[in-house]
Amino acid sequence: MNPIHSIRKRNLFYSCSIIGGLLFVGSLSAAETATPALTVNNGDNAWILASSALVLMMTAPGLILFYGGLVRNKNVLATMMHSLVLMGLISALWMVFGYSLCFAEGNSFFGNPFTYLFLKGVGAAPNGDYAATIPHQTFMLFQLMFAIITPALISGAIAERVKFSGYILFMLLWVTLIYFPLCHMVWGKGGYFNWAFKECQVPVLDFAGGTVVHISSGASALVLAMLLGKRAGYPREPMVPHNVVYSLIGTGLLWVGWFGFNAGSALNAGSLATNAFAATHFSAAAAALSWMFVEWLLKGKPSVLGAASGMVAGLATITPASGFVTIPAAFAIGATGGVLSYFAVTKLKAVLGYDDSLDVFGVHCVGSITGMLMLGFLASADVNSAIATTFMKNGAAVSLGGGSAQFVNQLIGVVFTAALGVIGTIIIFKTVDAFVGMRVDQEDESLGLDLSQHGEHAYNE
């Protein structure tokens, strides 16, 4: 063999070996540094799907029966329809742009409405920003159920006198202009109050909707009741519930459904979900008891409806705190919320003279404000370790555990949410009232909304 050819072959062999080695090392390096693909955990997915169904059950039949039983029999179908129709309306908005406004990346106040337009890109793969072990579509469905029940809560404050066409338009605007932005601010990536992301300006702890759901709806309900005016004859004429049994059945469904509402907000089937489940139960029990005993002491008899109202107050009170506090703390939060909600419903309402038909403000808003503020002092890293290590300031982790600093953060979140609800509701009401009207006329109200708005009777003999 020609020596020159032999040298060339050896050089070619060495060159190929070196290149191959570099490629091999490069492939190892890429494999080691590549982000592992997110995989669905079937147990987590099953729990969140079940929780989604439980939260939807809170609206229908839970809230439908709870509210429907509390009104007079000439308004029961109309009151039930207020919750039922939102299951369709809000679902449509959510599919088109609502989910994207809430959970797409955007700015501190709302997400980009075009990112998930018509749920584009929301499929079987997990979204690691929110829930790494369940399909993105499952997360989307779970959050939808919150968007449905929140405006439905408001309807209780204006029962028995609101025009159906005005109600529809008001709710469409309220969800779009108040709920969707607030949801992004508290739970969305980069949201102004979302402590779980570094872009957060004010780290507010809200596990399952103290601000987003209860304070926003409760504050709006109070303003809307005042703007709409009192029911004809209120408070001179008795307006007793036509079927307390309906309301008690609804109460039980709300209690059970709330386990999905709060424990499902852990977004997995782990120990945090267990804590939220337990906190929810014990808070509801404490509030039912505290309301009952205060009423018994002051009025001489404990009413069944009072105990049920206390239970709902306890659930609203613990909602923001359920994933951050111990069981004894949850019991204390519920007991306090039950007492404060009782006085809001029986004393504050009389002093201010507003007609909140089904006490949305006194139960949901006052209850959740109580829970939000007590959470500022009672939040525990032993329950949720993430609050000690996630929020960063100047490159260092800042604990959001209980103390005066976190209380101030919680207070800011409460005040902002209430202000948004109040100001937004005034603007939306004035707009809708100018175009289609918000209140039925005196004749229709006297006839009853079942017949005047829907042409039906609840009970046909």
Protein backbone atom coordinates (compact mmCIF):
# COMPACT_ATOMS: atom_id res chain seq x y z
CA MET A 1 0.00 0.00 0.00
CA ASN A 2 1.14 3.50 -0.79
CA PRO A 3 2.39 5.09 2.51
CA ILE A 4 0.73 8.37 1.63
CA HIS A 5 -2.66 6.60 1.19
CA SER A 6 -2.14 4.84 4.52
CA ILE A 7 -1.48 8.14 6.33
CA ARG A 8 -4.57 9.71 4.72
CA LYS A 9 -6.78 6.80 5.86
CA ARG A 10 -5.46 7.02 9.39
CA ASN A 11 -6.07 10.80 9.49
CA LEU A 12 -9.61 10.28 8.14
CA PHE A 13 -10.27 7.61 10.79
CA TYR A 14 -9.01 9.84 13.60
CA SER A 15 -11.06 12.78 12.34
CA CYS A 16 -14.24 10.73 12.14
CA SER A 17 -13.59 9.32 15.61
CA ILE A 18 -13.12 12.80 17.08
CA ILE A 19 -16.26 14.15 15.35
CA GLY A 20 -18.26 11.09 16.43
CA GLY A 21 -17.06 11.48 19.99
CA LEU A 22 -18.01 15.13 20.06
CA LEU A 23 -21.45 14.32 18.67
CA PHE A 24 -21.89 11.57 21.26
CA VAL A 25 -20.86 13.85 24.12
CA GLY A 26 -23.10 16.58 22.73
CA SER A 27 -26.05 14.23 22.58
CA LEU A 28 -25.44 13.18 26.19
CA SER A 29 -25.25 16.82 27.25
CA ALA A 30 -28.48 17.64 25.42
CA ALA A 31 -30.23 14.63 26.95
CA GLU A 32 -29.08 15.61 30.43
CA THR A 33 -30.17 19.24 30.10
CA ALA A 34 -33.45 18.71 28.22
CA THR A 35 -36.62 19.45 30.20
CA PRO A 36 -38.40 16.17 30.90
CA ALA A 37 -41.83 15.85 29.31
CA LEU A 38 -44.77 16.39 31.64
CA THR A 39 -46.87 13.29 32.14
CA VAL A 40 -50.45 12.91 33.31
CA ASN A 41 -51.03 11.26 36.67
CA ASN A 42 -54.28 9.31 36.35
CA GLY A 43 -55.08 9.62 40.06
CA ASP A 44 -54.67 13.40 40.02
CA ASN A 45 -56.70 13.67 36.84
CA ALA A 46 -59.53 11.58 38.27
CA TRP A 47 -59.68 13.72 41.42
CA ILE A 48 -59.78 17.04 39.55
CA LEU A 49 -62.43 15.78 37.13
CA ALA A 50 -64.50 14.62 40.11
CA SER A 51 -63.89 18.00 41.80
CA SER A 52 -65.06 19.78 38.66
CA ALA A 53 -68.32 17.85 38.81
CA LEU A 54 -68.68 18.65 42.52
CA VAL A 55 -68.22 22.38 41.90
CA LEU A 56 -70.77 22.33 39.08
CA MET A 57 -73.14 20.52 41.45
CA MET A 58 -72.83 23.50 43.78
CA THR A 59 -74.61 25.59 41.16
CA ALA A 60 -77.07 22.96 39.97
CA PRO A 61 -78.78 21.66 41.96
CA GLY A 62 -77.08 23.11 45.10
CA LEU A 63 -77.48 26.87 44.69
CA ILE A 64 -80.63 26.46 42.63
CA LEU A 65 -82.39 24.69 45.52
CA PHE A 66 -80.82 26.85 48.24
CA TYR A 67 -81.91 30.10 46.60
CA GLY A 68 -85.13 28.71 45.12
CA GLY A 69 -86.48 27.66 48.50
CA LEU A 70 -85.82 31.06 50.08
CA VAL A 71 -88.07 33.13 47.81
CA ARG A 72 -91.86 33.33 47.55
CA ASN A 73 -93.58 30.69 45.43
CA LYS A 74 -94.40 33.15 42.64
CA ASN A 75 -90.66 33.70 42.03
CA VAL A 76 -89.15 30.26 42.52
CA LEU A 77 -88.66 29.33 38.84
CA ALA A 78 -87.22 32.74 37.96
CA THR A 79 -84.77 32.49 40.86
CA MET A 80 -83.70 29.00 39.81
CA MET A 81 -83.34 30.16 36.21
CA HIS A 82 -80.84 32.83 37.28
CA SER A 83 -78.34 30.11 38.20
CA LEU A 84 -79.32 27.65 35.48
CA VAL A 85 -78.88 30.07 32.57
CA LEU A 86 -75.35 30.98 33.66
CA MET A 87 -74.23 27.40 33.17
CA GLY A 88 -74.76 27.95 29.46
CA LEU A 89 -73.79 31.62 29.13
CA ILE A 90 -70.54 31.49 31.06
CA SER A 91 -69.48 28.24 29.39
CA ALA A 92 -69.82 29.91 25.99
CA LEU A 93 -67.81 32.95 27.07
CA TRP A 94 -65.18 30.70 28.64
CA MET A 95 -64.72 28.76 25.42
CA VAL A 96 -64.43 31.83 23.21
CA PHE A 97 -62.12 34.11 25.21
CA GLY A 98 -62.77 33.85 28.95
CA TYR A 99 -60.27 31.14 29.74
CA SER A 100 -57.62 32.96 27.76
CA LEU A 101 -58.27 36.26 29.57
CA CYS A 102 -57.85 34.45 32.87
CA PHE A 103 -54.93 32.08 32.32
CA ALA A 104 -52.99 33.03 29.20
CA GLU A 105 -49.80 35.05 29.62
CA GLY A 106 -50.40 38.76 29.30
CA ASN A 107 -49.79 41.54 31.76
CA SER A 108 -50.46 41.90 35.48
CA PHE A 109 -54.19 42.47 35.00
CA PHE A 110 -55.43 40.18 32.23
CA GLY A 111 -54.21 37.49 29.87
CA ASN A 112 -54.01 37.66 26.09
CA PRO A 113 -57.55 36.83 24.84
CA PHE A 114 -56.19 35.35 21.59
CA THR A 115 -53.76 32.81 23.07
CA TYR A 116 -56.45 30.23 23.85
CA LEU A 117 -59.19 31.68 21.62
CA PHE A 118 -61.91 29.02 21.24
CA LEU A 119 -59.69 26.88 23.53
CA LYS A 120 -57.02 26.59 20.86
CA GLY A 121 -54.08 24.59 22.24
CA VAL A 122 -55.94 23.47 25.37
CA GLY A 123 -55.64 19.70 25.10
CA ALA A 124 -54.36 16.53 26.70
CA ALA A 125 -50.84 17.75 27.51
CA PRO A 126 -50.41 19.35 30.97
CA ASN A 127 -49.72 23.05 31.34
CA GLY A 128 -46.72 23.10 33.66
CA ASP A 129 -47.37 26.68 34.77
CA TYR A 130 -50.53 25.63 36.59
CA ALA A 131 -50.89 21.86 37.00
CA ALA A 132 -48.10 19.58 35.84
CA THR A 133 -49.87 16.24 36.37
CA ILE A 134 -53.28 16.74 34.76
CA PRO A 135 -54.32 17.57 31.19
CA HIS A 136 -54.55 21.25 30.39
CA GLN A 137 -58.16 20.59 29.41
CA THR A 138 -58.94 19.24 32.88
CA PHE A 139 -57.52 22.38 34.49
CA MET A 140 -59.60 24.48 32.13
CA LEU A 141 -62.80 22.63 33.04
CA PHE A 142 -62.14 22.91 36.78
CA GLN A 143 -61.66 26.67 36.55
CA LEU A 144 -64.79 27.02 34.41
CA MET A 145 -66.96 25.77 37.26
CA PHE A 146 -65.72 28.64 39.46
CA ALA A 147 -66.58 31.14 36.74
CA ILE A 148 -70.12 29.75 36.59
CA ILE A 149 -70.99 29.86 40.29
CA THR A 150 -69.49 33.28 41.06
CA PRO A 151 -72.02 35.44 39.18
CA ALA A 152 -74.78 33.02 40.23
CA LEU A 153 -74.09 34.00 43.84
CA ILE A 154 -74.91 37.63 43.00
CA SER A 155 -78.38 36.69 41.81
CA GLY A 156 -79.53 36.04 45.37
CA ALA A 157 -79.26 39.72 46.25
CA ILE A 158 -81.61 40.87 43.51
CA ALA A 159 -84.11 38.02 43.56
CA GLU A 160 -87.82 38.75 43.00
CA ARG A 161 -87.46 42.05 41.14
CA VAL A 162 -84.84 41.89 38.36
CA LYS A 163 -85.74 41.87 34.66
CA PHE A 164 -84.41 38.75 32.95
CA SER A 165 -83.05 40.53 29.86
CA GLY A 166 -81.22 43.06 32.04
CA TYR A 167 -79.90 40.25 34.23
CA ILE A 168 -78.44 38.42 31.21
CA LEU A 169 -76.65 41.48 29.84
CA PHE A 170 -75.41 42.54 33.28
CA MET A 171 -73.89 39.12 33.99
CA LEU A 172 -72.17 38.90 30.62
CA LEU A 173 -70.50 42.26 31.23
CA TRP A 174 -69.75 41.58 34.90
CA VAL A 175 -67.96 38.32 34.20
CA THR A 176 -65.98 39.84 31.35
CA LEU A 177 -64.97 43.08 33.06
CA ILE A 178 -64.65 42.00 36.71
CA TYR A 179 -64.34 38.24 37.15
CA PHE A 180 -61.95 37.44 34.29
CA PRO A 181 -59.39 40.18 35.09
CA LEU A 182 -59.56 39.48 38.83
CA CYS A 183 -59.09 35.76 38.23
CA HIS A 184 -55.94 36.52 36.23
CA MET A 185 -54.62 38.91 38.85
CA VAL A 186 -54.96 36.35 41.65
CA TRP A 187 -54.38 33.00 39.91
CA GLY A 188 -53.00 33.72 36.43
CA LYS A 189 -49.34 33.62 35.42
CA GLY A 190 -47.84 37.03 36.06
CA GLY A 191 -50.96 38.23 37.89
CA TYR A 192 -50.64 41.28 40.13
CA PHE A 193 -51.53 39.35 43.31
CA ASN A 194 -50.34 35.85 42.35
CA TRP A 195 -47.68 34.95 44.92
CA ALA A 196 -46.70 31.81 42.99
CA PHE A 197 -45.02 33.77 40.16
CA LYS A 198 -42.06 36.11 40.38
CA GLU A 199 -43.86 38.88 38.48
CA CYS A 200 -46.26 39.33 41.41
CA GLN A 201 -46.39 42.85 42.89
CA VAL A 202 -48.40 42.09 46.05
CA PRO A 203 -48.37 38.46 47.23
CA VAL A 204 -51.93 37.70 48.31
CA LEU A 205 -52.81 34.23 49.58
CA ASP A 206 -56.14 33.01 48.22
CA PHE A 207 -56.33 29.26 47.89
CA ALA A 208 -59.77 28.79 46.35
CA GLY A 209 -61.49 32.12 45.79
CA GLY A 210 -61.96 34.38 48.79
CA THR A 211 -61.29 37.42 46.62
CA VAL A 212 -62.04 36.05 43.16
CA VAL A 213 -65.35 34.42 44.06
CA HIS A 214 -66.88 35.57 47.34
CA ILE A 215 -65.71 39.14 47.98
CA SER A 216 -66.11 40.17 44.33
CA SER A 217 -69.63 38.72 44.12
CA GLY A 218 -70.64 39.84 47.62
CA ALA A 219 -69.52 43.45 47.19
CA SER A 220 -71.16 43.60 43.77
CA ALA A 221 -74.34 42.07 45.20
CA LEU A 222 -74.62 44.76 47.86
CA VAL A 223 -74.23 47.60 45.37
CA LEU A 224 -76.58 45.99 42.86
CA ALA A 225 -79.27 45.49 45.53
CA MET A 226 -79.00 49.16 46.49
CA LEU A 227 -79.12 50.38 42.89
CA LEU A 228 -82.03 48.13 41.98
CA GLY A 229 -84.03 49.20 45.02
CA LYS A 230 -86.06 47.28 47.57
CA ARG A 231 -88.74 44.76 46.75
CA ALA A 232 -92.24 46.21 46.80
CA GLY A 233 -93.46 46.05 50.39
CA TYR A 234 -90.04 45.43 51.96
CA PRO A 235 -89.61 45.53 54.94
CA ARG A 236 -93.24 46.15 55.94
CA GLU A 237 -94.67 42.96 54.48
CA PRO A 238 -93.45 39.49 55.54
CA MET A 239 -91.50 37.75 52.77
CA VAL A 240 -90.96 34.32 54.23
CA PRO A 241 -89.29 31.45 52.33
CA HIS A 242 -91.83 29.31 50.53
CA ASN A 243 -89.95 26.01 51.03
CA VAL A 244 -87.20 25.76 53.64
CA VAL A 245 -86.84 22.04 52.86
CA TYR A 246 -85.57 22.95 49.36
CA SER A 247 -83.03 25.26 50.95
CA LEU A 248 -81.81 22.59 53.37
CA ILE A 249 -81.31 20.10 50.55
CA GLY A 250 -79.38 22.79 48.68
CA THR A 251 -77.35 23.47 51.81
CA GLY A 252 -76.27 19.84 52.03
CA LEU A 253 -75.31 19.79 48.36
CA LEU A 254 -73.27 22.97 48.82
CA TRP A 255 -71.38 21.46 51.78
CA VAL A 256 -70.51 18.31 49.82
CA GLY A 257 -69.70 20.21 46.62
CA TRP A 258 -67.42 22.57 48.51
CA PHE A 259 -64.96 19.73 49.08
CA GLY A 260 -64.33 19.81 45.33
CA PHE A 261 -64.21 23.61 45.42
CA ASN A 262 -61.47 23.80 48.07
CA ALA A 263 -59.70 20.43 48.09
CA GLY A 264 -59.76 20.33 44.30
CA SER A 265 -57.83 23.62 44.28
CA ALA A 266 -54.74 21.68 45.34
CA LEU A 267 -54.82 20.46 41.70
CA ASN A 268 -53.59 17.02 42.72
CA ALA A 269 -54.67 14.18 44.98
CA GLY A 270 -51.92 14.70 47.57
CA SER A 271 -51.74 15.70 51.20
CA LEU A 272 -52.53 19.37 50.54
CA ALA A 273 -55.91 18.33 49.12
CA THR A 274 -56.52 16.35 52.31
CA ASN A 275 -55.76 19.36 54.48
CA ALA A 276 -58.03 21.61 52.42
CA PHE A 277 -60.79 19.00 52.62
CA ALA A 278 -60.51 18.75 56.41
CA ALA A 279 -60.23 22.52 56.91
CA THR A 280 -63.37 23.00 54.82
CA HIS A 281 -65.38 20.53 56.88
CA PHE A 282 -64.38 21.79 60.30
CA SER A 283 -64.86 25.44 59.39
CA ALA A 284 -68.39 24.76 58.15
CA ALA A 285 -69.18 22.84 61.34
CA ALA A 286 -67.82 25.63 63.54
CA ALA A 287 -69.74 28.36 61.72
CA ALA A 288 -73.02 26.45 61.81
CA LEU A 289 -72.62 26.04 65.56
CA SER A 290 -71.51 29.61 66.28
CA TRP A 291 -74.37 31.13 64.26
CA MET A 292 -76.86 28.77 65.93
CA PHE A 293 -75.73 29.47 69.49
CA VAL A 294 -75.63 33.25 69.01
CA GLU A 295 -79.13 33.20 67.54
CA TRP A 296 -80.33 30.94 70.34
CA LEU A 297 -78.88 33.29 72.94
CA LEU A 298 -80.28 36.47 71.41
CA LYS A 299 -83.63 35.27 70.06
CA GLY A 300 -84.47 32.39 72.37
CA LYS A 301 -84.70 29.77 69.63
CA PRO A 302 -82.16 28.35 67.16
CA SER A 303 -83.65 28.38 63.66
CA VAL A 304 -82.94 25.66 61.13
CA LEU A 305 -82.40 28.25 58.40
CA GLY A 306 -79.97 30.09 60.66
CA ALA A 307 -77.84 26.98 61.15
CA ALA A 308 -77.85 26.42 57.39
CA SER A 309 -76.84 30.03 56.73
CA GLY A 310 -74.03 29.70 59.27
CA MET A 311 -72.76 26.62 57.51
CA VAL A 312 -72.60 28.44 54.17
CA ALA A 313 -70.84 31.34 55.88
CA GLY A 314 -68.26 28.92 57.28
CA LEU A 315 -67.59 27.52 53.83
CA ALA A 316 -67.16 30.99 52.34
CA THR A 317 -64.94 32.00 55.25
CA ILE A 318 -62.49 29.12 54.91
CA THR A 319 -62.30 29.16 51.11
CA PRO A 320 -59.24 31.45 50.83
CA ALA A 321 -57.46 29.79 53.77
CA SER A 322 -58.19 26.08 53.31
CA GLY A 323 -54.83 25.24 51.77
CA PHE A 324 -52.75 27.32 54.17
CA VAL A 325 -53.99 26.75 57.74
CA THR A 326 -54.14 23.96 60.30
CA ILE A 327 -57.40 22.30 61.35
CA PRO A 328 -57.67 24.18 64.71
CA ALA A 329 -57.06 27.43 62.86
CA ALA A 330 -59.77 26.52 60.33
CA PHE A 331 -62.20 25.85 63.18
CA ALA A 332 -61.42 29.25 64.70
CA ILE A 333 -61.84 30.95 61.32
CA GLY A 334 -65.22 29.28 60.79
CA ALA A 335 -66.48 30.10 64.28
CA THR A 336 -65.53 33.75 63.86
CA GLY A 337 -67.04 33.94 60.39
CA GLY A 338 -70.31 32.48 61.62
CA VAL A 339 -70.71 35.11 64.34
CA LEU A 340 -69.71 38.07 62.15
CA SER A 341 -71.96 36.94 59.29
CA TYR A 342 -74.88 36.57 61.72
CA PHE A 343 -74.54 40.16 62.87
CA ALA A 344 -74.08 41.38 59.29
CA VAL A 345 -77.35 39.71 58.28
CA THR A 346 -79.41 40.60 61.34
CA LYS A 347 -78.00 43.95 62.47
CA LEU A 348 -75.94 45.67 59.75
CA LYS A 349 -78.61 45.03 57.12
CA ALA A 350 -81.25 46.69 59.30
CA VAL A 351 -79.05 49.67 60.12
CA LEU A 352 -78.11 50.36 56.49
CA GLY A 353 -81.61 49.55 55.19
CA TYR A 354 -80.66 47.67 52.02
CA ASP A 355 -82.68 44.77 50.60
CA ASP A 356 -80.21 41.97 49.88
CA SER A 357 -82.94 39.36 49.30
CA LEU A 358 -80.95 36.24 50.20
CA ASP A 359 -78.10 37.83 52.20
CA VAL A 360 -75.29 37.40 49.70
CA PHE A 361 -73.26 40.25 51.15
CA GLY A 362 -73.66 39.26 54.79
CA VAL A 363 -72.80 35.60 54.23
CA HIS A 364 -70.32 35.51 51.35
CA CYS A 365 -68.57 38.88 51.43
CA VAL A 366 -68.36 39.36 55.20
CA GLY A 367 -67.42 35.70 55.63
CA SER A 368 -64.62 35.73 53.09
CA ILE A 369 -63.23 39.05 54.29
CA THR A 370 -62.98 37.44 57.72
CA GLY A 371 -61.16 34.42 56.28
CA MET A 372 -58.81 36.50 54.15
CA LEU A 373 -57.72 38.71 57.04
CA MET A 374 -57.40 35.93 59.62
CA LEU A 375 -55.34 34.00 57.06
CA GLY A 376 -52.82 36.85 57.15
CA PHE A 377 -51.96 35.85 60.71
CA LEU A 378 -52.63 32.10 60.58
CA ALA A 379 -50.98 30.98 57.32
CA SER A 380 -48.58 28.13 58.11
CA ALA A 381 -45.61 26.87 56.10
CA ASP A 382 -46.06 23.54 57.90
CA VAL A 383 -49.32 23.12 56.00
CA ASN A 384 -48.13 24.52 52.69
CA SER A 385 -44.34 24.72 52.47
CA ALA A 386 -44.45 26.63 49.18
CA ILE A 387 -45.40 29.87 50.94
CA ALA A 388 -41.98 29.91 52.62
CA THR A 389 -39.87 29.43 49.49
CA THR A 390 -41.75 30.54 46.35
CA PHE A 391 -42.19 34.30 46.52
CA MET A 392 -38.96 36.14 45.77
CA LYS A 393 -37.95 39.73 46.50
CA ASN A 394 -34.56 41.14 45.51
CA GLY A 395 -33.41 37.63 44.67
CA ALA A 396 -34.21 36.17 48.10
CA ALA A 397 -37.14 34.02 49.21
CA VAL A 398 -39.66 35.81 51.42
CA SER A 399 -41.92 33.77 53.68
CA LEU A 400 -45.62 34.54 53.45
CA GLY A 401 -46.39 32.82 56.75
CA GLY A 402 -48.64 34.44 59.30
CA GLY A 403 -47.61 37.90 60.54
CA SER A 404 -48.29 41.59 60.19
CA ALA A 405 -46.60 41.83 56.78
CA GLN A 406 -48.85 39.20 55.25
CA PHE A 407 -51.90 40.67 56.95
CA VAL A 408 -51.20 43.93 55.09
CA ASN A 409 -50.92 42.01 51.81
CA GLN A 410 -54.26 40.32 52.50
CA LEU A 411 -55.86 43.65 53.37
CA ILE A 412 -54.67 45.18 50.10
CA GLY A 413 -56.20 42.25 48.19
CA VAL A 414 -59.51 42.61 50.03
CA VAL A 415 -59.76 46.38 49.51
CA PHE A 416 -58.83 46.17 45.83
CA THR A 417 -61.34 43.39 45.16
CA ALA A 418 -64.17 45.17 46.96
CA ALA A 419 -63.39 48.44 45.16
CA LEU A 420 -63.32 46.71 41.77
CA GLY A 421 -66.64 45.03 42.51
CA VAL A 422 -68.30 48.24 43.69
CA ILE A 423 -67.05 50.58 40.95
CA GLY A 424 -67.44 48.01 38.18
CA THR A 425 -70.98 47.16 39.25
CA ILE A 426 -72.07 50.80 39.29
CA ILE A 427 -70.75 51.36 35.76
CA ILE A 428 -72.22 48.13 34.38
CA PHE A 429 -75.59 48.70 36.07
CA LYS A 430 -75.92 52.23 34.72
CA THR A 431 -75.04 51.04 31.21
CA VAL A 432 -77.43 48.09 31.17
CA ASP A 433 -80.23 50.05 32.83
CA ALA A 434 -79.96 52.71 30.13
CA PHE A 435 -80.22 50.18 27.29
CA VAL A 436 -82.65 47.48 28.41
CA GLY A 437 -83.61 48.27 32.01
CA MET A 438 -82.75 46.26 35.10
CA ARG A 439 -85.96 46.20 37.14
CA VAL A 440 -89.37 44.84 36.25
CA ASP A 441 -92.34 47.19 36.50
CA GLN A 442 -94.68 47.17 39.49
CA GLU A 443 -97.33 45.05 37.78
CA ASP A 444 -94.86 42.33 36.76
CA GLU A 445 -93.33 42.26 40.23
CA SER A 446 -96.76 41.89 41.82
CA LEU A 447 -97.68 39.12 39.39
CA GLY A 448 -94.42 37.31 40.08
CA LEU A 449 -91.36 36.77 37.91
CA ASP A 450 -92.22 33.16 37.10
CA LEU A 451 -95.22 34.26 35.08
CA SER A 452 -94.16 37.75 33.98
CA GLN A 453 -90.64 36.80 32.83
CA HIS A 454 -91.00 33.15 31.84
CA GLY A 455 -94.71 32.45 31.37
CA GLU A 456 -94.72 29.52 33.78
CA HIS A 457 -95.95 28.47 37.21
CA ALA A 458 -93.79 26.45 39.56
CA TYR A 459 -96.78 24.64 40.99
CA ASN A 460 -99.75 23.70 38.82
CA GLU A 461 -102.81 22.37 40.62
